[in-house]
Amino acid sequence: MQFGFHISIAGGFSKILERAEVRGCETIQFFSRNPRGWKYEALDINEVESFRAVIRSSGLFPVFVHLPYLPNIANKKSKFYNRSLDSIVIDLERAEQLGAHYLIIHIGHRMESSEEEAIEAVSQGVNRAFEKAKSQVSLLLENTAGQGSEIGYRFEQIEKIIAGVDEEKRMGVCLDTAHTFEAGYDLSGKDGLDRTLESFDRLVGLNHLHLLHLNDSKTPLGSRKDRHWHIGEGYIGIEGFRYLVNHPSLRQLPGIMETPRTDTVEDLKNMKVIRSLVAK
């Protein structure tokens, strides 16, 4: 398994490689723009070319871009639905410009819509985004914890969303371990992990799984509260992550950590812990 972190773009894309190297990353994830707003500036061609060259020479692979937090395509009645679609189109194109292989999106909140309406809204939204975007970047749906009116916390929901997308080959899943556990799938032991992966494979297909977000959970199994925690220090625990990183169906995947941080020291600790669990 290749390990990495979500890397800050503060100060520009030129800072990413240095931050990745300090943390010992083999793969990376980052935002292409401010994650808490709608506005963005066009990418600078020279900066992009320099970034792509540096990333190629670094050996970091694969490269993931994460969509900002605000877009929500799970509710067609929302005044932000079309704006959210445009945001996905923009980031699909920016991801390709930056040499990224995948764009990760949060599936969204259904709000007052029914589950069926929300699933249809997401599928149709993805179809429209693929039609408009001048990009061949693949889109990864990140499973949710099921907090509030979130959809995408059950594998059955993800299965239906992907089934409604015309270009299914461009679709995949990013499985967040904290969200999975908080949604009620037990990853803390071998039996629970095996059952979870069997269910995922039967409903969605392991061929659609392209990335793990490796986060422990600060809240108990089935809490449906999204709270990331340090590797081995939450309810999934050390043994749960030992099974995860060595599981035959997962060990060839990239794993990105989004564990809490106030400084580099927390990332270095989490990297040391996760690497110590890999069977020699």
Protein backbone atom coordinates (compact mmCIF):
# COMPACT_ATOMS: atom_id res chain seq x y z
CA MET A 1 0.00 0.00 0.00
CA GLN A 2 1.26 3.49 -0.89
CA PHE A 3 0.68 5.96 1.95
CA GLY A 4 0.20 9.69 1.85
CA PHE A 5 -1.66 12.69 3.25
CA HIS A 6 -3.94 15.45 2.18
CA ILE A 7 -1.46 18.27 1.50
CA SER A 8 -2.13 21.98 1.93
CA ILE A 9 -1.84 24.25 -1.13
CA ALA A 10 -1.24 27.36 1.01
CA GLY A 11 1.40 29.45 -0.75
CA GLY A 12 0.84 27.76 -4.12
CA PHE A 13 1.29 24.37 -5.77
CA SER A 14 5.08 24.73 -5.60
CA LYS A 15 4.87 24.03 -1.84
CA ILE A 16 3.15 20.65 -2.24
CA LEU A 17 6.18 18.50 -3.04
CA GLU A 18 8.23 19.79 -0.11
CA ARG A 19 5.35 19.13 2.30
CA ALA A 20 4.81 15.67 0.82
CA GLU A 21 8.51 14.78 1.08
CA VAL A 22 8.73 15.89 4.72
CA ARG A 23 5.86 13.52 5.53
CA GLY A 24 7.28 10.61 3.55
CA CYS A 25 4.35 10.51 1.13
CA GLU A 26 4.18 8.05 -1.75
CA THR A 27 0.81 9.40 -2.93
CA ILE A 28 -0.95 12.73 -2.33
CA GLN A 29 -4.30 14.47 -2.24
CA PHE A 30 -4.95 18.21 -2.36
CA PHE A 31 -7.55 20.86 -3.20
CA SER A 32 -7.12 22.72 -6.48
CA ARG A 33 -8.52 25.90 -4.89
CA ASN A 34 -10.02 27.33 -1.69
CA PRO A 35 -12.07 24.46 -0.21
CA ARG A 36 -14.47 26.70 1.71
CA GLY A 37 -15.65 29.02 -1.06
CA TRP A 38 -17.07 29.08 -4.58
CA LYS A 39 -14.65 31.55 -6.12
CA TYR A 40 -11.48 30.50 -7.87
CA GLU A 41 -8.73 31.94 -10.01
CA ALA A 42 -7.66 30.40 -13.29
CA LEU A 43 -4.59 28.21 -13.01
CA ASP A 44 -1.31 29.83 -14.03
CA ILE A 45 0.06 27.93 -17.05
CA ASN A 46 3.71 28.25 -15.99
CA GLU A 47 2.96 27.17 -12.42
CA VAL A 48 0.97 24.18 -13.68
CA GLU A 49 3.73 23.04 -16.06
CA SER A 50 6.31 23.33 -13.30
CA PHE A 51 4.10 21.44 -10.86
CA ARG A 52 3.42 18.61 -13.32
CA ALA A 53 7.14 18.22 -14.04
CA VAL A 54 8.04 18.14 -10.36
CA ILE A 55 5.34 15.60 -9.53
CA ARG A 56 6.39 13.32 -12.41
CA SER A 57 10.03 13.36 -11.29
CA SER A 58 9.06 12.80 -7.64
CA GLY A 59 7.46 9.41 -8.23
CA LEU A 60 4.33 10.38 -6.27
CA PHE A 61 1.51 8.22 -7.63
CA PRO A 62 -1.40 8.33 -7.94
CA VAL A 63 -2.36 11.99 -7.50
CA PHE A 64 -5.81 12.91 -6.17
CA VAL A 65 -7.68 16.22 -6.20
CA HIS A 66 -10.50 16.70 -3.71
CA LEU A 67 -13.55 18.83 -4.54
CA PRO A 68 -14.22 21.76 -2.14
CA TYR A 69 -16.71 21.30 0.70
CA LEU A 70 -19.64 23.45 -0.50
CA PRO A 71 -20.93 21.59 -3.62
CA ASN A 72 -23.94 19.33 -3.07
CA ILE A 73 -25.58 17.53 -5.99
CA ALA A 74 -27.89 15.34 -3.87
CA ASN A 75 -30.78 17.82 -3.93
CA LYS A 76 -32.06 19.14 -7.26
CA LYS A 77 -34.29 21.69 -5.53
CA SER A 78 -31.35 23.42 -3.87
CA LYS A 79 -30.49 26.86 -5.24
CA PHE A 80 -26.88 25.64 -5.25
CA TYR A 81 -27.47 22.53 -7.39
CA ASN A 82 -26.39 24.02 -10.72
CA ARG A 83 -23.54 25.87 -9.06
CA SER A 84 -22.44 22.56 -7.55
CA LEU A 85 -22.51 20.90 -10.99
CA ASP A 86 -20.38 23.71 -12.39
CA SER A 87 -17.95 23.24 -9.51
CA ILE A 88 -17.47 19.57 -10.40
CA VAL A 89 -16.92 20.45 -14.06
CA ILE A 90 -14.33 23.06 -13.10
CA ASP A 91 -12.44 20.69 -10.84
CA LEU A 92 -12.51 17.84 -13.34
CA GLU A 93 -10.80 20.18 -15.78
CA ARG A 94 -8.40 21.60 -13.17
CA ALA A 95 -7.47 18.07 -12.04
CA GLU A 96 -6.54 17.14 -15.59
CA GLN A 97 -4.52 20.34 -16.00
CA LEU A 98 -2.62 19.53 -12.80
CA GLY A 99 -1.87 15.98 -13.89
CA ALA A 100 -4.09 14.35 -11.28
CA HIS A 101 -5.62 10.95 -11.95
CA TYR A 102 -8.79 11.24 -9.88
CA LEU A 103 -11.23 13.80 -8.48
CA ILE A 104 -12.88 12.90 -5.16
CA ILE A 105 -16.32 14.30 -4.32
CA HIS A 106 -18.54 14.08 -1.26
CA ILE A 107 -21.84 12.46 -2.26
CA GLY A 108 -23.92 15.09 -0.47
CA HIS A 109 -27.00 15.80 1.64
CA ARG A 110 -30.49 14.94 0.42
CA MET A 111 -32.04 17.61 2.72
CA GLU A 112 -35.85 17.47 2.22
CA SER A 113 -35.58 15.11 -0.78
CA SER A 114 -36.25 11.39 -0.48
CA GLU A 115 -33.39 8.91 -0.70
CA GLU A 116 -34.51 7.85 -4.18
CA GLU A 117 -34.68 11.46 -5.39
CA ALA A 118 -31.23 12.17 -3.97
CA ILE A 119 -29.68 9.12 -5.64
CA GLU A 120 -31.19 10.14 -8.98
CA ALA A 121 -29.98 13.72 -8.51
CA VAL A 122 -26.39 12.58 -7.92
CA SER A 123 -26.37 10.19 -10.90
CA GLN A 124 -27.86 12.80 -13.23
CA GLY A 125 -25.50 15.44 -11.89
CA VAL A 126 -22.47 13.28 -12.62
CA ASN A 127 -23.79 12.59 -16.13
CA ARG A 128 -24.17 16.31 -16.79
CA ALA A 129 -20.72 17.05 -15.38
CA PHE A 130 -19.09 14.40 -17.58
CA GLU A 131 -20.88 15.81 -20.64
CA LYS A 132 -19.66 19.35 -19.97
CA ALA A 133 -16.13 18.75 -18.68
CA LYS A 134 -13.23 18.75 -21.10
CA SER A 135 -11.46 16.10 -19.05
CA GLN A 136 -11.00 12.35 -18.81
CA VAL A 137 -10.22 12.37 -15.09
CA SER A 138 -12.08 9.66 -13.16
CA LEU A 139 -14.54 10.62 -10.43
CA LEU A 140 -14.48 8.95 -7.02
CA LEU A 141 -17.50 9.02 -4.73
CA GLU A 142 -16.44 9.24 -1.09
CA ASN A 143 -18.71 7.27 1.22
CA THR A 144 -20.20 9.21 4.12
CA ALA A 145 -20.79 8.61 7.82
CA GLY A 146 -24.54 9.19 7.40
CA GLN A 147 -24.53 12.35 9.47
CA GLY A 148 -27.72 14.40 9.23
CA SER A 149 -29.28 13.94 5.78
CA GLU A 150 -26.12 12.60 4.13
CA ILE A 151 -26.54 9.88 1.55
CA GLY A 152 -23.87 7.45 0.42
CA TYR A 153 -23.32 5.89 3.84
CA ARG A 154 -24.78 2.55 2.76
CA PHE A 155 -23.16 0.54 -0.02
CA GLU A 156 -26.61 -0.02 -1.56
CA GLN A 157 -26.91 3.73 -2.13
CA ILE A 158 -23.50 3.94 -3.80
CA GLU A 159 -24.39 0.97 -6.00
CA LYS A 160 -27.54 2.73 -7.24
CA ILE A 161 -25.73 6.01 -7.91
CA ILE A 162 -23.04 4.34 -10.02
CA ALA A 163 -25.66 2.29 -11.88
CA GLY A 164 -27.32 5.54 -12.95
CA VAL A 165 -24.15 6.99 -14.47
CA ASP A 166 -23.73 6.51 -18.22
CA GLU A 167 -19.91 6.50 -18.21
CA GLU A 168 -19.60 3.94 -15.44
CA LYS A 169 -15.97 3.20 -16.34
CA ARG A 170 -15.04 6.71 -15.18
CA MET A 171 -16.67 6.13 -11.80
CA GLY A 172 -15.07 4.76 -8.67
CA VAL A 173 -15.17 4.89 -4.90
CA CYS A 174 -12.98 6.35 -2.19
CA LEU A 175 -13.70 4.37 0.97
CA ASP A 176 -13.11 6.41 4.12
CA THR A 177 -12.44 4.05 7.03
CA ALA A 178 -13.80 6.43 9.68
CA HIS A 179 -16.99 7.07 7.69
CA THR A 180 -17.42 3.36 6.99
CA PHE A 181 -17.13 2.49 10.69
CA GLU A 182 -19.37 5.36 11.77
CA ALA A 183 -21.97 4.21 9.22
CA GLY A 184 -22.13 0.82 10.96
CA TYR A 185 -19.60 -1.37 9.15
CA ASP A 186 -17.25 -2.86 11.74
CA LEU A 187 -13.60 -2.54 10.69
CA SER A 188 -12.09 -3.15 14.12
CA GLY A 189 -11.48 -6.87 13.61
CA LYS A 190 -10.79 -9.42 10.89
CA ASP A 191 -14.32 -10.86 10.73
CA GLY A 192 -15.97 -7.45 10.49
CA LEU A 193 -13.54 -6.29 7.81
CA ASP A 194 -14.11 -9.45 5.77
CA ARG A 195 -17.90 -9.05 6.01
CA THR A 196 -17.64 -5.38 5.03
CA LEU A 197 -15.51 -6.09 1.97
CA GLU A 198 -17.72 -8.99 0.93
CA SER A 199 -20.74 -6.68 1.09
CA PHE A 200 -18.93 -3.94 -0.84
CA ASP A 201 -17.79 -6.37 -3.52
CA ARG A 202 -21.27 -7.87 -3.91
CA LEU A 203 -23.02 -4.51 -4.17
CA VAL A 204 -20.49 -2.09 -5.69
CA GLY A 205 -17.57 -4.24 -6.79
CA LEU A 206 -14.00 -4.08 -5.53
CA ASN A 207 -13.00 -3.16 -9.08
CA HIS A 208 -14.59 0.25 -8.35
CA LEU A 209 -12.47 0.82 -5.23
CA HIS A 210 -9.49 3.07 -6.07
CA LEU A 211 -8.57 4.76 -2.79
CA LEU A 212 -8.77 4.39 0.98
CA HIS A 213 -8.98 7.36 3.30
CA LEU A 214 -7.20 5.95 6.32
CA ASN A 215 -8.71 7.63 9.37
CA ASP A 216 -9.52 6.23 12.79
CA SER A 217 -12.90 7.12 14.29
CA LYS A 218 -13.34 9.27 17.39
CA THR A 219 -16.93 8.05 17.69
CA PRO A 220 -18.30 4.51 18.19
CA LEU A 221 -19.49 2.00 15.59
CA GLY A 222 -22.69 3.17 13.91
CA SER A 223 -22.58 6.63 15.52
CA ARG A 224 -23.23 8.34 12.17
CA LYS A 225 -21.04 11.19 13.41
CA ASP A 226 -18.10 12.20 11.20
CA ARG A 227 -15.10 12.51 13.51
CA HIS A 228 -11.64 11.55 12.24
CA TRP A 229 -8.96 10.51 14.72
CA HIS A 230 -5.33 9.39 14.82
CA ILE A 231 -4.43 5.92 13.52
CA GLY A 232 -4.87 3.30 16.25
CA GLU A 233 -6.17 5.78 18.84
CA GLY A 234 -9.87 5.58 17.99
CA TYR A 235 -12.58 2.94 17.94
CA ILE A 236 -11.20 1.09 14.90
CA GLY A 237 -7.92 0.64 16.75
CA ILE A 238 -4.46 -0.66 15.94
CA GLU A 239 -5.54 -4.21 15.16
CA GLY A 240 -8.27 -2.98 12.85
CA PHE A 241 -5.74 -1.00 10.82
CA ARG A 242 -3.30 -3.91 10.86
CA TYR A 243 -5.94 -6.06 9.14
CA LEU A 244 -6.83 -3.21 6.76
CA VAL A 245 -3.36 -2.46 5.40
CA ASN A 246 -2.50 -6.15 4.98
CA HIS A 247 -5.79 -7.39 3.56
CA PRO A 248 -5.25 -9.09 0.17
CA SER A 249 -8.06 -7.05 -1.41
CA LEU A 250 -6.70 -3.71 -0.14
CA ARG A 251 -2.93 -3.85 0.16
CA GLN A 252 -2.31 -2.74 -3.45
CA LEU A 253 -4.43 0.40 -3.02
CA PRO A 254 -3.20 3.90 -2.14
CA GLY A 255 -4.09 5.10 1.35
CA ILE A 256 -4.45 8.81 2.14
CA MET A 257 -4.61 9.96 5.76
CA GLU A 258 -6.79 12.91 6.77
CA THR A 259 -6.00 12.66 10.47
CA PRO A 260 -6.17 15.79 12.69
CA ARG A 261 -3.14 18.06 12.62
CA THR A 262 -1.91 21.27 14.17
CA ASP A 263 1.64 20.75 12.89
CA THR A 264 3.78 18.30 10.93
CA VAL A 265 4.48 16.25 14.06
CA GLU A 266 1.01 14.61 14.04
CA ASP A 267 1.43 13.54 10.43
CA LEU A 268 4.86 12.07 11.11
CA LYS A 269 3.43 10.11 14.05
CA ASN A 270 0.53 8.74 11.98
CA MET A 271 2.84 7.80 9.10
CA LYS A 272 5.16 5.97 11.50
CA VAL A 273 2.25 4.07 13.05
CA ILE A 274 0.61 3.04 9.75
CA ARG A 275 3.90 1.87 8.23
CA SER A 276 4.70 -0.16 11.35
CA LEU A 277 1.57 -2.25 10.76
CA VAL A 278 2.56 -3.46 7.28
CA ALA A 279 3.58 -7.12 7.34
CA LYS A 280 7.19 -7.63 6.27
